[in-house]
Amino acid sequence: MKKVIILTIVACAVIALAYTQRATFAEQILARALPARLSADTAADQVDGLHVVLCGAGGPMPAPNASGPCVLVTAGKQTFVVDAGTDGARNINRMGFQVGNIDAVFLTHFHSDHIDGLGELATLRWAAGNSDTPLPVYGPVGVERVVNGFNEAYGQDFVYRHTHHGDSVAPLGAAGLSAVSFEPPAMGALTTVYAQGDLTVTALLVDHAPVAPAVGYKFSYRGRTVLISGDTAQSANITTLADKVDLLVHEALAPNLLRMMNAAAEQAGNTNLATIAMDVLDYHASPKDAAETARDANVGHLLYYHIVPPLLVPGQEALWLDGADKIFEHYTLGRDGTSFSLPAYSDAIIESERL
């Protein structure tokens, strides 16, 4: 009994000492961790090839592990972002990528959930990088208006940061965004929008009517290919142009769950939400639609993103898929941090988690 009492007293004393010294312990931990954290560069540690990471796996609805639509793509030494949804820039940083090294953004279309993180992404790149030009934003006709709007909204911020930090940190010539516009391609065609070294990025038309223009992007690098759909209904054009790609990153919305939301909203008297829950069904692919596209295009792997509605309860993944897994078995239901590596000149498709 005495031993138990003595051990209890010692344990309490240790706990008390640890509590009183918690700031010292925290300082020691941070002193060791911060240099490694601030110098981390996940892209530099990757093998040569195409790499895809979901910096945002969700759509416009809040979700604990699915931020607004955002896909990070690295090809050799180049880094790109496809769409810039809410919290995407912060997730990029959390995953150890250097936001200052982002070469360009590609926008699929101009719905708010795909562009609302642009301002933060550009600001973090400006402050954390060494670029002497604004962040290029590629997009179909209309991207100029989006870019001009963000630059206008952030105009005062540019002045404040430049005044405070000066040219060495925040040169005005590198602030904000610059638009790179292109005409949407014809159905069945690919338009080259970026080409440097062994990397080619092409745009393809998708079906998101009445939203137009709306495009997807295909990345080709050293024998590896990735196609990112953006928002779209099921599209024969994607099936054709995704033929035998290594990785198809395809959006999907679950009709069965949206109908449940519609019924619940009507019961709660929320007519706006009830209407929206049904309206969105006609311009988004279902999980089964995306699986059929992957199967018919004979792709290597299907990565679902733009997950709508959010997956919140155990068992909901199977309900969301609603049999899509029986149509195409090589799939991953994405969440923030889901990552794929496609080493150059190989057939390997390697999945991991970055968050």
Foldseek 3Di string as FASTA:
>chain_A
DVVVVVVVVVVVVVVVVCVVCVVVVVVVVCVVPVVCLLPFAVLVPDFAFKKKFFLAFADDDDAPWGFQGWMWIDHGQAIEIEFFFPRSQVLCSLLRHQLLRHQAYEYQAPDCRRHVRQLVSQVSNQQRHDDQAGHEYEYEPPVQVVQVVSCVVCVVVLVVCCVVPNCRGHNSRHGGYDYDYDHADDQLDWAFRDDDDQKTKTWHAAAQPPGPRGIWIWIDGQHAIEIEGGFFAQDPSLLNVLAAHAEYEFEAAALVVLCVQLVVCVVVVNNVSNVVSVVNVVTGYALLSQLQSCVSSVYNAYEYGNYPPYDDDPPVVCVRNVCSCVSHVRYDDDTRQWMWGDHHPDSDTDIDGSD
